[in-house]
N, C-alpha and C. Protein backbone atom coordinates (compact mmCIF):
# COMPACT_ATOMS: atom_id res chain seq x y z
N MET A 1 22.63 -8.47 5.85
CA MET A 1 21.45 -7.66 5.72
C MET A 1 21.34 -7.16 4.28
N GLN A 2 20.21 -7.44 3.66
CA GLN A 2 19.97 -6.95 2.31
C GLN A 2 19.37 -5.57 2.38
N VAL A 3 19.84 -4.69 1.50
CA VAL A 3 19.39 -3.31 1.51
C VAL A 3 18.64 -3.01 0.22
N MET A 4 17.51 -2.32 0.37
CA MET A 4 16.71 -1.88 -0.78
C MET A 4 16.72 -0.36 -0.84
N ILE A 5 16.67 0.17 -2.04
CA ILE A 5 16.48 1.61 -2.23
C ILE A 5 15.05 1.74 -2.72
N ARG A 6 14.21 2.36 -1.89
CA ARG A 6 12.79 2.44 -2.22
C ARG A 6 12.18 3.72 -1.68
N LEU A 7 10.90 3.90 -1.95
CA LEU A 7 10.19 5.10 -1.52
C LEU A 7 9.62 4.90 -0.12
N GLN A 8 9.66 5.97 0.66
CA GLN A 8 9.07 5.97 2.00
C GLN A 8 8.09 7.14 2.05
N ARG A 9 6.83 6.85 2.31
CA ARG A 9 5.79 7.87 2.30
C ARG A 9 5.91 8.76 3.54
N VAL A 10 5.79 10.07 3.34
CA VAL A 10 5.84 11.02 4.45
C VAL A 10 4.74 12.06 4.28
N GLY A 11 4.29 12.59 5.39
CA GLY A 11 3.33 13.69 5.39
C GLY A 11 1.90 13.22 5.28
N LYS A 12 1.03 14.00 5.91
CA LYS A 12 -0.39 13.75 5.82
C LYS A 12 -1.08 15.10 5.66
N SER A 13 -2.13 15.10 4.93
CA SER A 13 -2.91 16.32 4.80
C SER A 13 -4.38 15.93 4.65
N PRO A 14 -5.29 16.87 4.85
CA PRO A 14 -6.71 16.54 4.77
C PRO A 14 -7.13 15.95 3.41
N ASN A 15 -6.49 16.40 2.34
CA ASN A 15 -6.87 15.86 1.03
C ASN A 15 -6.00 14.68 0.60
N LYS A 16 -5.27 14.09 1.56
CA LYS A 16 -4.51 12.85 1.38
C LYS A 16 -3.42 12.93 0.32
N LYS A 17 -2.75 14.08 0.24
CA LYS A 17 -1.60 14.18 -0.65
C LYS A 17 -0.36 13.78 0.12
N PHE A 18 0.48 12.99 -0.49
CA PHE A 18 1.67 12.50 0.17
C PHE A 18 2.90 12.82 -0.67
N ASN A 19 4.00 13.00 -0.01
CA ASN A 19 5.29 13.10 -0.65
C ASN A 19 6.07 11.85 -0.27
N TYR A 20 7.16 11.62 -0.94
CA TYR A 20 7.95 10.42 -0.69
C TYR A 20 9.41 10.79 -0.55
N ARG A 21 10.11 10.02 0.29
CA ARG A 21 11.55 10.09 0.38
C ARG A 21 12.11 8.87 -0.33
N VAL A 22 13.24 9.04 -0.98
CA VAL A 22 13.98 7.91 -1.53
C VAL A 22 14.98 7.52 -0.46
N VAL A 23 14.88 6.30 0.05
CA VAL A 23 15.69 5.89 1.20
C VAL A 23 16.38 4.56 0.93
N ALA A 24 17.49 4.36 1.64
CA ALA A 24 18.12 3.05 1.73
C ALA A 24 17.59 2.44 3.02
N ILE A 25 17.02 1.24 2.92
CA ILE A 25 16.35 0.64 4.06
C ILE A 25 16.55 -0.88 4.01
N SER A 26 16.56 -1.51 5.16
CA SER A 26 16.70 -2.96 5.22
C SER A 26 15.51 -3.61 4.52
N LYS A 27 15.77 -4.65 3.79
CA LYS A 27 14.72 -5.31 3.02
C LYS A 27 13.60 -5.86 3.91
N SER A 28 13.93 -6.23 5.14
CA SER A 28 12.93 -6.81 6.03
C SER A 28 12.10 -5.75 6.75
N SER A 29 12.47 -4.47 6.64
CA SER A 29 11.71 -3.40 7.29
C SER A 29 10.44 -3.09 6.53
N SER A 30 9.45 -2.54 7.25
CA SER A 30 8.22 -2.13 6.59
C SER A 30 8.47 -0.87 5.77
N ARG A 31 7.50 -0.48 4.98
CA ARG A 31 7.64 0.68 4.11
C ARG A 31 8.02 1.92 4.90
N ASP A 32 7.42 2.11 6.06
CA ASP A 32 7.68 3.29 6.86
C ASP A 32 8.60 2.99 8.04
N GLY A 33 9.39 1.93 7.94
CA GLY A 33 10.29 1.54 9.01
C GLY A 33 11.51 2.42 9.09
N ARG A 34 12.42 2.02 9.95
CA ARG A 34 13.64 2.80 10.17
C ARG A 34 14.55 2.73 8.96
N ARG A 35 14.92 3.89 8.48
CA ARG A 35 15.76 3.98 7.28
C ARG A 35 17.23 4.04 7.65
N LEU A 36 18.09 3.66 6.73
CA LEU A 36 19.52 3.74 6.94
C LEU A 36 20.04 5.11 6.49
N GLU A 37 19.50 5.62 5.36
CA GLU A 37 19.93 6.92 4.86
C GLU A 37 18.89 7.46 3.88
N ILE A 38 18.71 8.78 3.90
CA ILE A 38 17.84 9.45 2.94
C ILE A 38 18.68 9.82 1.72
N LEU A 39 18.21 9.41 0.54
CA LEU A 39 18.96 9.66 -0.69
C LEU A 39 18.35 10.77 -1.54
N GLY A 40 17.09 11.06 -1.36
CA GLY A 40 16.45 12.09 -2.16
C GLY A 40 14.98 12.18 -1.83
N HIS A 41 14.21 12.83 -2.72
CA HIS A 41 12.77 12.93 -2.50
C HIS A 41 12.01 12.92 -3.84
N TYR A 42 10.70 12.65 -3.73
CA TYR A 42 9.81 12.58 -4.89
C TYR A 42 8.49 13.20 -4.49
N ASP A 43 8.02 14.18 -5.27
CA ASP A 43 6.76 14.85 -5.00
C ASP A 43 5.86 14.73 -6.23
N PRO A 44 4.97 13.75 -6.25
CA PRO A 44 4.11 13.55 -7.41
C PRO A 44 2.94 14.53 -7.48
N THR A 45 2.73 15.34 -6.42
CA THR A 45 1.58 16.24 -6.40
C THR A 45 1.80 17.49 -7.23
N LYS A 46 3.04 17.81 -7.55
CA LYS A 46 3.34 19.00 -8.35
C LYS A 46 3.30 18.66 -9.83
N GLN A 47 3.07 19.68 -10.63
CA GLN A 47 3.06 19.50 -12.08
C GLN A 47 4.21 20.27 -12.69
N PRO A 48 5.19 19.68 -13.30
CA PRO A 48 5.45 18.25 -13.37
C PRO A 48 5.98 17.72 -12.04
N ALA A 49 5.91 16.43 -11.88
CA ALA A 49 6.36 15.80 -10.64
C ALA A 49 7.84 16.10 -10.40
N VAL A 50 8.20 16.32 -9.14
CA VAL A 50 9.57 16.66 -8.78
C VAL A 50 10.27 15.42 -8.22
N PHE A 51 11.40 15.07 -8.81
CA PHE A 51 12.20 13.94 -8.34
C PHE A 51 13.65 14.39 -8.28
N SER A 52 14.26 14.28 -7.11
CA SER A 52 15.68 14.59 -7.00
C SER A 52 16.34 13.53 -6.13
N ILE A 53 17.56 13.21 -6.50
CA ILE A 53 18.30 12.18 -5.77
C ILE A 53 19.77 12.57 -5.77
N LYS A 54 20.45 12.24 -4.68
CA LYS A 54 21.88 12.51 -4.57
C LYS A 54 22.60 11.33 -5.22
N GLN A 55 23.11 11.58 -6.42
CA GLN A 55 23.69 10.51 -7.23
C GLN A 55 24.88 9.84 -6.56
N ASP A 56 25.70 10.62 -5.84
CA ASP A 56 26.86 10.02 -5.19
C ASP A 56 26.46 9.04 -4.09
N LYS A 57 25.41 9.36 -3.34
CA LYS A 57 24.93 8.45 -2.30
C LYS A 57 24.29 7.21 -2.92
N LEU A 58 23.54 7.40 -4.02
CA LEU A 58 22.93 6.27 -4.72
C LEU A 58 24.00 5.32 -5.22
N ASP A 59 25.04 5.86 -5.84
CA ASP A 59 26.13 5.02 -6.35
C ASP A 59 26.82 4.26 -5.23
N LYS A 60 27.01 4.91 -4.08
CA LYS A 60 27.65 4.25 -2.93
C LYS A 60 26.85 3.02 -2.49
N TRP A 61 25.53 3.18 -2.38
CA TRP A 61 24.70 2.06 -1.94
C TRP A 61 24.64 0.96 -2.99
N LEU A 62 24.59 1.33 -4.26
CA LEU A 62 24.56 0.32 -5.32
C LEU A 62 25.86 -0.48 -5.35
N LYS A 63 27.00 0.19 -5.12
CA LYS A 63 28.28 -0.52 -5.07
C LYS A 63 28.34 -1.50 -3.91
N ASN A 64 27.62 -1.18 -2.83
CA ASN A 64 27.61 -2.06 -1.66
C ASN A 64 26.57 -3.17 -1.76
N GLY A 65 25.89 -3.27 -2.90
CA GLY A 65 24.98 -4.39 -3.11
C GLY A 65 23.51 -4.10 -2.92
N ALA A 66 23.14 -2.85 -2.72
CA ALA A 66 21.73 -2.51 -2.56
C ALA A 66 21.00 -2.67 -3.90
N GLN A 67 19.71 -2.95 -3.82
CA GLN A 67 18.90 -3.10 -5.02
C GLN A 67 17.81 -2.04 -5.01
N MET A 68 17.51 -1.49 -6.19
CA MET A 68 16.45 -0.49 -6.30
C MET A 68 15.11 -1.17 -6.53
N SER A 69 14.06 -0.57 -5.97
CA SER A 69 12.72 -1.05 -6.26
C SER A 69 12.39 -0.66 -7.71
N ASP A 70 11.36 -1.29 -8.27
CA ASP A 70 10.99 -1.01 -9.65
C ASP A 70 10.61 0.46 -9.85
N THR A 71 9.91 1.03 -8.88
CA THR A 71 9.47 2.42 -8.99
C THR A 71 10.66 3.37 -8.98
N VAL A 72 11.57 3.17 -8.06
CA VAL A 72 12.75 4.03 -7.98
C VAL A 72 13.59 3.88 -9.24
N ARG A 73 13.73 2.66 -9.73
CA ARG A 73 14.50 2.43 -10.95
C ARG A 73 13.91 3.20 -12.12
N SER A 74 12.59 3.18 -12.26
CA SER A 74 11.96 3.90 -13.37
C SER A 74 12.10 5.41 -13.21
N LEU A 75 12.04 5.91 -11.98
CA LEU A 75 12.22 7.35 -11.75
C LEU A 75 13.64 7.79 -12.07
N VAL A 76 14.63 6.97 -11.72
CA VAL A 76 16.03 7.29 -12.01
C VAL A 76 16.26 7.29 -13.52
N ILE A 77 15.68 6.34 -14.22
CA ILE A 77 15.82 6.27 -15.68
C ILE A 77 15.19 7.50 -16.34
N LYS A 78 13.99 7.90 -15.88
CA LYS A 78 13.33 9.10 -16.42
C LYS A 78 14.17 10.34 -16.17
N GLN A 79 14.78 10.43 -15.00
CA GLN A 79 15.59 11.60 -14.67
C GLN A 79 16.82 11.66 -15.56
N LYS A 80 17.43 10.52 -15.84
CA LYS A 80 18.62 10.50 -16.70
C LYS A 80 18.27 10.87 -18.14
N LYS A 81 17.09 10.46 -18.61
CA LYS A 81 16.66 10.81 -19.96
C LYS A 81 16.36 12.29 -20.08
N ALA A 82 15.87 12.89 -19.01
CA ALA A 82 15.50 14.30 -19.04
C ALA A 82 16.72 15.21 -19.10
N LYS A 83 17.87 14.72 -18.66
CA LYS A 83 19.09 15.56 -18.66
C LYS A 83 19.74 15.63 -20.00
């Protein structure tokens, strides 16, 4: 089973604002399918956008062969530059 680390959309509101979870999920699952583990969250509706991730869990999944989506990879890189 191939594992991806990607965003999973959560929440609904009348003005269609969404938040996202950073999850480890099977590559064959849909975007909102069953996740293996929640690694963090991303809220683009706030100024500035809020992104947090549990680095130890991310490292564990990457060591086991998981691949990050392009969006998650860019968010992780931005977070590392900000520190």
